[in-house]
Amino acid sequence: MSPIALVAVGSVAFALNLVAGRRRAAEPKFSFRWFLYVHLPVLAVVPLRQWFELNILAIPFLVGISVVGQVFGCRMIRNS
């Protein structure tokens, strides 16, 4: 597992979830769009992880960085 690939996929995961978190903050909690904004970035991150041949040990890191992106994105819109 290449650390450069892990940082690249992690950066993409963070950026996608940052945008999705901002959009999620404007939706009613547990609505269809709210769930969509939580889960949609996964559809981009999973193929990237497979394309860069990151093994299963990268998943906890990518999930963590995705959660951080969602939280930061949500806080960006609430603090503005």
Protein backbone atom coordinates (compact mmCIF):
# COMPACT_ATOMS: atom_id res chain seq x y z
CA MET A 1 0.00 0.00 0.00
CA SER A 2 1.49 3.26 -1.15
CA PRO A 3 1.32 6.17 1.30
CA ILE A 4 1.01 8.60 -1.62
CA ALA A 5 -2.04 6.74 -2.93
CA LEU A 6 -3.54 6.71 0.56
CA VAL A 7 -3.08 10.48 0.90
CA ALA A 8 -4.50 11.07 -2.59
CA VAL A 9 -7.63 8.98 -2.01
CA GLY A 10 -7.98 10.43 1.50
CA SER A 11 -7.82 13.97 0.11
CA VAL A 12 -10.51 13.20 -2.45
CA ALA A 13 -12.65 11.57 0.23
CA PHE A 14 -12.27 14.61 2.49
CA ALA A 15 -13.09 17.07 -0.30
CA LEU A 16 -16.16 15.16 -1.48
CA ASN A 17 -17.47 14.80 2.05
CA LEU A 18 -16.80 18.46 2.81
CA VAL A 19 -19.12 19.45 -0.04
CA ALA A 20 -21.66 16.75 0.85
CA GLY A 21 -21.60 17.82 4.51
CA ARG A 22 -22.40 21.40 3.54
CA ARG A 23 -25.33 20.21 1.46
CA ARG A 24 -26.47 17.80 4.18
CA ALA A 25 -26.63 20.60 6.76
CA ALA A 26 -29.34 22.36 4.75
CA GLU A 27 -31.60 19.30 4.62
CA PRO A 28 -34.06 18.04 7.25
CA LYS A 29 -32.48 15.35 9.40
CA PHE A 30 -33.01 11.77 8.15
CA SER A 31 -34.74 12.89 4.94
CA PHE A 32 -33.98 11.17 1.63
CA ARG A 33 -31.57 13.91 0.54
CA TRP A 34 -29.87 13.86 3.95
CA PHE A 35 -29.14 10.13 3.50
CA LEU A 36 -28.09 10.76 -0.09
CA TYR A 37 -25.52 13.36 0.95
CA VAL A 38 -24.16 11.06 3.63
CA HIS A 39 -23.76 8.04 1.35
CA LEU A 40 -23.14 9.46 -2.14
CA PRO A 41 -19.40 10.16 -1.67
CA VAL A 42 -18.91 6.46 -0.89
CA LEU A 43 -19.78 5.68 -4.52
CA ALA A 44 -16.70 7.67 -5.59
CA VAL A 45 -14.29 6.64 -2.83
CA VAL A 46 -14.74 2.87 -3.12
CA PRO A 47 -13.74 2.68 -6.81
CA LEU A 48 -10.78 5.00 -6.13
CA ARG A 49 -9.60 2.73 -3.32
CA GLN A 50 -9.82 -0.25 -5.62
CA TRP A 51 -8.15 1.55 -8.54
CA PHE A 52 -5.20 2.60 -6.39
CA GLU A 53 -5.09 -0.97 -5.01
CA LEU A 54 -5.38 0.10 -1.38
CA ASN A 55 -5.98 -2.90 0.83
CA ILE A 56 -8.65 -3.40 3.46
CA LEU A 57 -6.52 -1.71 6.13
CA ALA A 58 -7.12 1.65 4.40
CA ILE A 59 -10.88 1.49 4.99
CA PRO A 60 -10.88 2.71 8.62
CA PHE A 61 -8.69 5.67 7.65
CA LEU A 62 -10.94 6.57 4.72
CA VAL A 63 -14.10 6.23 6.81
CA GLY A 64 -12.56 8.45 9.49
CA ILE A 65 -11.47 11.12 7.04
CA SER A 66 -14.92 11.01 5.43
CA VAL A 67 -16.61 11.59 8.79
CA VAL A 68 -14.27 14.51 9.47
CA GLY A 69 -15.16 15.99 6.07
CA GLN A 70 -18.88 15.65 6.79
CA VAL A 71 -18.53 17.31 10.20
CA PHE A 72 -16.37 20.18 8.91
CA GLY A 73 -18.73 20.75 5.98
CA CYS A 74 -21.73 20.86 8.27
CA ARG A 75 -20.01 23.27 10.65
CA MET A 76 -18.97 25.54 7.78
CA ILE A 77 -22.57 26.29 6.87
CA ARG A 78 -23.79 26.54 10.46
CA ASN A 79 -21.06 29.01 11.48
CA SER A 80 -21.51 31.32 8.51
